[in-house]
């Protein structure tokens, strides 16, 4: 099945929108022109779920898809917050700091759309200034996501940056300045996430030892460390599947994603 994701107001394509199948828990990204091609899978009553930073998530039953194959999703309405961005921050802290990248890295084979590292600011209402990511030094196109914490579940909650923050880098140590986005963390707990974009430029094959087949994977490969080996009390990390469900990663992992906050 081939379709196009468009902004319901401007009628312009939505680049790299995530398109998934709810029951199948599989999916793909649209390309830069909003076009996607997806096998509809084995469930005849499945549902397409389409999401993108800055847009409302929409669901489309596959037995009632748009006749013109154009999927309209509305941009999120900007709600003015009571939080105020200051210009005279006197302090700053680096959260989840790390000294080196280590040996282990995590990527997706197409079933996980995002990972998010839990971070904790010294104070509420701090501004997120920069993030630092340690990844394999292959060229990668990906997006940064920032969430507050859902108070009931402890999982990633609302988007704190509805603006698309896109990174294209071949560096091992990636530094992203976020000051222009004016992201204020309402509480102490928040999450910095990496969103994979499943497009050909990120796709690579890895030979499976002892087999003829190759495993399809996608950049970036994000380094992580084991809390027990490091003997540190790091906060937990989560991963998001195509059903839009956040699930805990291994209790012993923390991703090498750090953040600088000002307060």
Protein backbone atom coordinates (compact mmCIF):
# COMPACT_ATOMS: atom_id res chain seq x y z
CA UNK A 1 0.00 0.00 0.00
CA UNK A 2 1.33 3.43 -0.95
CA UNK A 3 0.16 6.66 0.64
CA UNK A 4 1.11 10.25 1.41
CA UNK A 5 0.99 12.04 4.77
CA UNK A 6 -0.01 15.70 4.55
CA UNK A 7 -0.67 18.60 6.91
CA UNK A 8 -4.46 18.89 7.15
CA UNK A 9 -4.32 22.70 7.08
CA UNK A 10 -1.50 23.60 4.70
CA UNK A 11 -1.90 20.48 2.52
CA UNK A 12 1.88 20.19 2.42
CA UNK A 13 3.69 16.85 2.88
CA UNK A 14 4.81 15.85 6.37
CA UNK A 15 8.41 14.66 6.04
CA UNK A 16 9.49 11.47 7.83
CA UNK A 17 6.15 10.88 9.57
CA UNK A 18 6.05 7.55 11.43
CA UNK A 19 3.53 5.12 9.93
CA UNK A 20 2.81 1.96 11.90
CA UNK A 21 0.40 -0.94 12.11
CA UNK A 22 -1.23 -1.22 15.53
CA UNK A 23 -1.72 -5.00 15.81
CA UNK A 24 1.25 -5.94 13.66
CA UNK A 25 3.51 -3.62 15.72
CA UNK A 26 5.56 -2.83 12.64
CA UNK A 27 5.98 0.13 10.38
CA UNK A 28 8.11 2.57 8.42
CA UNK A 29 8.75 6.28 7.97
CA UNK A 30 7.45 8.40 5.13
CA UNK A 31 10.18 9.97 3.00
CA UNK A 32 10.97 13.68 2.78
CA UNK A 33 7.93 14.12 0.50
CA UNK A 34 5.57 12.43 2.97
CA UNK A 35 5.28 9.30 0.79
CA UNK A 36 5.34 5.83 2.35
CA UNK A 37 4.99 2.26 1.12
CA UNK A 38 3.90 -0.40 3.61
CA UNK A 39 2.73 -4.00 3.54
CA UNK A 40 -0.60 -4.08 5.35
CA UNK A 41 0.30 -7.31 7.15
CA UNK A 42 -1.73 -10.29 8.26
CA UNK A 43 -4.46 -8.58 10.30
CA UNK A 44 -7.42 -7.60 8.10
CA UNK A 45 -8.82 -5.47 10.92
CA UNK A 46 -5.59 -3.67 11.70
CA UNK A 47 -5.22 0.09 12.05
CA UNK A 48 -2.66 2.50 10.62
CA UNK A 49 -1.30 4.87 13.25
CA UNK A 50 0.49 7.99 11.98
CA UNK A 51 2.51 10.32 14.17
CA UNK A 52 5.09 13.07 13.89
CA UNK A 53 6.63 15.66 16.20
CA UNK A 54 4.43 18.74 16.23
CA UNK A 55 1.34 16.87 15.00
CA UNK A 56 -1.60 15.04 16.52
CA UNK A 57 -1.41 11.25 16.31
CA UNK A 58 -4.12 9.87 14.01
CA UNK A 59 -5.51 6.36 13.50
CA UNK A 60 -6.95 4.98 10.23
CA UNK A 61 -8.65 1.52 10.07
CA UNK A 62 -7.21 -0.34 7.06
CA UNK A 63 -10.70 -1.40 5.94
CA UNK A 64 -11.60 2.29 5.55
CA UNK A 65 -8.52 4.07 4.22
CA UNK A 66 -8.76 7.41 2.36
CA UNK A 67 -9.74 6.73 -1.29
CA UNK A 68 -7.07 9.12 -2.56
CA UNK A 69 -4.40 7.59 -0.26
CA UNK A 70 -3.71 11.00 1.29
CA UNK A 71 -3.58 10.89 5.06
CA UNK A 72 -4.30 14.22 6.72
CA UNK A 73 -2.89 14.89 10.18
CA UNK A 74 -3.45 18.18 12.07
CA UNK A 75 -0.64 20.21 13.59
CA UNK A 76 -0.81 20.49 17.37
CA UNK A 77 -2.28 23.68 18.71
CA UNK A 78 0.32 25.70 20.60
CA UNK A 79 -0.79 26.21 24.19
CA UNK A 80 0.86 29.14 25.90
CA UNK A 81 2.56 27.94 29.08
CA UNK A 82 2.82 29.75 32.40
CA UNK A 83 6.50 28.79 32.48
CA UNK A 84 8.77 31.73 31.76
CA UNK A 85 12.10 31.52 29.93
CA UNK A 86 14.57 33.65 31.83
CA UNK A 87 17.59 35.44 30.45
CA UNK A 88 19.62 35.55 33.67
CA UNK A 89 20.26 31.93 34.62
CA UNK A 90 23.10 31.80 37.16
CA UNK A 91 23.70 28.05 37.44
CA UNK A 92 24.03 25.05 35.15
CA UNK A 93 24.39 21.29 35.56
CA UNK A 94 25.31 18.38 33.30
CA UNK A 95 22.92 15.47 33.86
CA UNK A 96 23.84 11.82 33.25
CA UNK A 97 27.40 12.85 32.42
CA UNK A 98 29.80 10.23 31.04
CA UNK A 99 33.53 10.10 30.33
CA UNK A 100 33.77 7.69 27.39
CA UNK A 101 31.51 5.79 25.03
CA UNK A 102 32.26 2.23 26.06
CA UNK A 103 31.71 -0.85 23.91
CA UNK A 104 27.97 -1.56 23.71
CA UNK A 105 25.54 0.15 21.36
CA UNK A 106 21.82 -0.15 20.72
CA UNK A 107 19.97 0.29 17.47
CA UNK A 108 16.63 -0.72 16.01
CA UNK A 109 15.72 -3.44 13.55
CA UNK A 110 12.49 -1.61 12.77
CA UNK A 111 10.29 -2.50 15.74
CA UNK A 112 11.30 0.34 18.08
CA UNK A 113 10.68 3.93 17.02
CA UNK A 114 12.28 5.80 19.95
CA UNK A 115 14.37 5.36 23.06
CA UNK A 116 14.22 7.87 25.92
CA UNK A 117 16.67 8.33 28.79
CA UNK A 118 15.22 9.49 32.11
CA UNK A 119 17.03 12.53 33.52
CA UNK A 120 16.54 14.55 36.68
CA UNK A 121 17.16 18.27 37.01
CA UNK A 122 18.36 19.75 40.34
CA UNK A 123 15.35 22.11 40.31
CA UNK A 124 11.99 22.51 38.60
CA UNK A 125 11.54 25.04 35.76
CA UNK A 126 15.10 24.68 34.49
CA UNK A 127 15.83 25.36 30.82
CA UNK A 128 17.22 22.58 28.65
CA UNK A 129 20.29 24.12 27.05
CA UNK A 130 22.23 21.34 25.31
CA UNK A 131 22.29 17.60 24.88
CA UNK A 132 25.23 15.30 24.24
CA UNK A 133 24.94 11.90 22.56
CA UNK A 134 27.53 9.18 22.15
CA UNK A 135 26.83 7.08 19.04
CA UNK A 136 28.66 5.06 16.43
CA UNK A 137 30.45 7.34 14.00
CA UNK A 138 28.36 6.38 10.97
CA UNK A 139 26.34 9.08 9.25
CA UNK A 140 22.84 9.20 10.77
CA UNK A 141 19.67 11.20 10.31
CA UNK A 142 17.53 11.23 13.45
CA UNK A 143 15.31 13.40 15.63
CA UNK A 144 15.55 14.61 19.22
CA UNK A 145 12.48 14.31 21.44
CA UNK A 146 11.94 15.83 24.89
CA UNK A 147 9.17 14.72 27.28
CA UNK A 148 8.01 15.48 30.77
CA UNK A 149 7.22 12.58 33.11
CA UNK A 150 3.74 11.14 33.36
CA UNK A 151 3.02 11.42 37.08
CA UNK A 152 0.84 8.29 37.19
CA UNK A 153 3.09 5.82 35.33
CA UNK A 154 6.57 7.33 35.49
CA UNK A 155 6.81 6.96 31.71
CA UNK A 156 7.54 9.69 29.15
CA UNK A 157 4.52 11.99 29.00
CA UNK A 158 3.83 15.18 27.03
CA UNK A 159 6.09 16.61 24.35
CA UNK A 160 8.04 19.56 25.70
CA UNK A 161 9.35 20.41 22.23
CA UNK A 162 6.69 20.07 19.56
CA UNK A 163 9.09 21.63 17.07
CA UNK A 164 10.95 19.10 14.94
CA UNK A 165 14.57 18.88 16.10
CA UNK A 166 16.45 17.01 13.39
CA UNK A 167 20.11 15.99 13.49
CA UNK A 168 22.27 14.74 10.62
CA UNK A 169 25.70 13.78 11.87
CA UNK A 170 28.49 11.32 11.27
CA UNK A 171 30.27 12.23 14.49
CA UNK A 172 30.77 9.90 17.43
CA UNK A 173 30.20 12.63 20.00
CA UNK A 174 27.19 14.73 19.00
CA UNK A 175 26.46 18.04 20.72
CA UNK A 176 23.13 19.76 20.03
CA UNK A 177 22.40 23.29 21.22
CA UNK A 178 18.71 23.62 22.16
CA UNK A 179 18.59 27.16 23.54
CA UNK A 180 16.66 28.55 20.56
CA UNK A 181 13.79 26.14 21.31
CA UNK A 182 13.20 27.60 24.80
CA UNK A 183 12.44 24.21 26.37
CA UNK A 184 11.56 24.64 30.04
CA UNK A 185 11.28 21.49 32.19
CA UNK A 186 8.17 21.94 34.38
CA UNK A 187 9.29 19.44 37.04
CA UNK A 188 12.59 17.85 37.94
CA UNK A 189 12.03 14.62 35.97
CA UNK A 190 12.10 14.54 32.19
CA UNK A 191 13.27 12.43 29.24
CA UNK A 192 15.53 13.06 26.28
CA UNK A 193 14.74 10.72 23.41
CA UNK A 194 16.20 9.60 20.09
CA UNK A 195 13.74 8.93 17.27
CA UNK A 196 14.85 6.65 14.45
CA UNK A 197 13.96 7.55 10.89
CA UNK A 198 13.55 4.42 8.79
CA UNK A 199 14.74 5.65 5.41
CA UNK A 200 17.35 4.13 3.04
CA UNK A 201 20.20 6.45 4.12
CA UNK A 202 20.01 5.01 7.66
CA UNK A 203 19.67 1.37 6.63
CA UNK A 204 22.53 -1.12 6.89
CA UNK A 205 22.99 -4.89 6.96
CA UNK A 206 24.83 -6.96 9.57
CA UNK A 207 25.88 -10.54 8.91
CA UNK A 208 24.48 -13.00 11.45
CA UNK A 209 27.25 -15.23 12.72
CA UNK A 210 26.97 -18.77 11.41
CA UNK A 211 24.07 -17.95 9.06
CA UNK A 212 23.66 -16.87 5.45
CA UNK A 213 21.10 -14.20 6.28
CA UNK A 214 21.71 -10.56 7.09
CA UNK A 215 20.04 -8.57 9.84
CA UNK A 216 18.59 -5.23 8.69
CA UNK A 217 19.33 -2.41 11.15
CA UNK A 218 19.10 1.36 11.19
CA UNK A 219 21.38 4.18 12.34
CA UNK A 220 22.02 5.74 14.77
CA UNK A 221 23.60 3.20 17.09
CA UNK A 222 23.42 4.74 20.57
CA UNK A 223 25.99 3.67 23.14
CA UNK A 224 24.82 2.45 26.54
CA UNK A 225 26.46 1.20 29.71
CA UNK A 226 25.55 -1.30 32.37
CA UNK A 227 24.69 0.27 35.73
CA UNK A 228 25.88 -2.75 37.69
CA UNK A 229 29.27 -2.77 36.00
CA UNK A 230 29.59 1.00 36.37
CA UNK A 231 28.35 0.69 39.97
CA UNK A 232 26.25 3.83 39.58
CA UNK A 233 22.63 4.59 40.37
CA UNK A 234 21.53 5.79 36.94
CA UNK A 235 17.91 6.47 36.05
CA UNK A 236 15.93 4.09 33.85
CA UNK A 237 15.39 4.25 30.09
CA UNK A 238 12.35 3.44 27.95
CA UNK A 239 11.57 2.42 24.37
CA UNK A 240 8.52 3.20 22.21
CA UNK A 241 6.97 0.67 19.82
CA UNK A 242 4.58 1.13 16.89
CA UNK A 243 1.57 0.72 19.17
CA UNK A 244 2.69 3.97 20.83
CA UNK A 245 3.42 2.04 24.05
CA UNK A 246 6.41 2.91 26.21
CA UNK A 247 8.22 -0.13 27.63
CA UNK A 248 11.17 -0.28 30.00
CA UNK A 249 14.52 -1.29 28.55
CA UNK A 250 16.83 -3.51 30.59
CA UNK A 251 16.90 -2.33 34.20
CA UNK A 252 20.70 -2.33 34.03
CA UNK A 253 21.08 -0.01 31.04
CA UNK A 254 21.57 3.70 30.80
CA UNK A 255 22.05 5.36 27.43
CA UNK A 256 24.91 7.78 26.91
CA UNK A 257 22.61 10.75 26.47
CA UNK A 258 23.39 13.66 28.76
CA UNK A 259 21.88 17.11 29.06
CA UNK A 260 22.88 20.55 30.27
CA UNK A 261 20.23 22.51 32.15
CA UNK A 262 20.33 26.13 33.28
CA UNK A 263 18.54 27.45 36.36
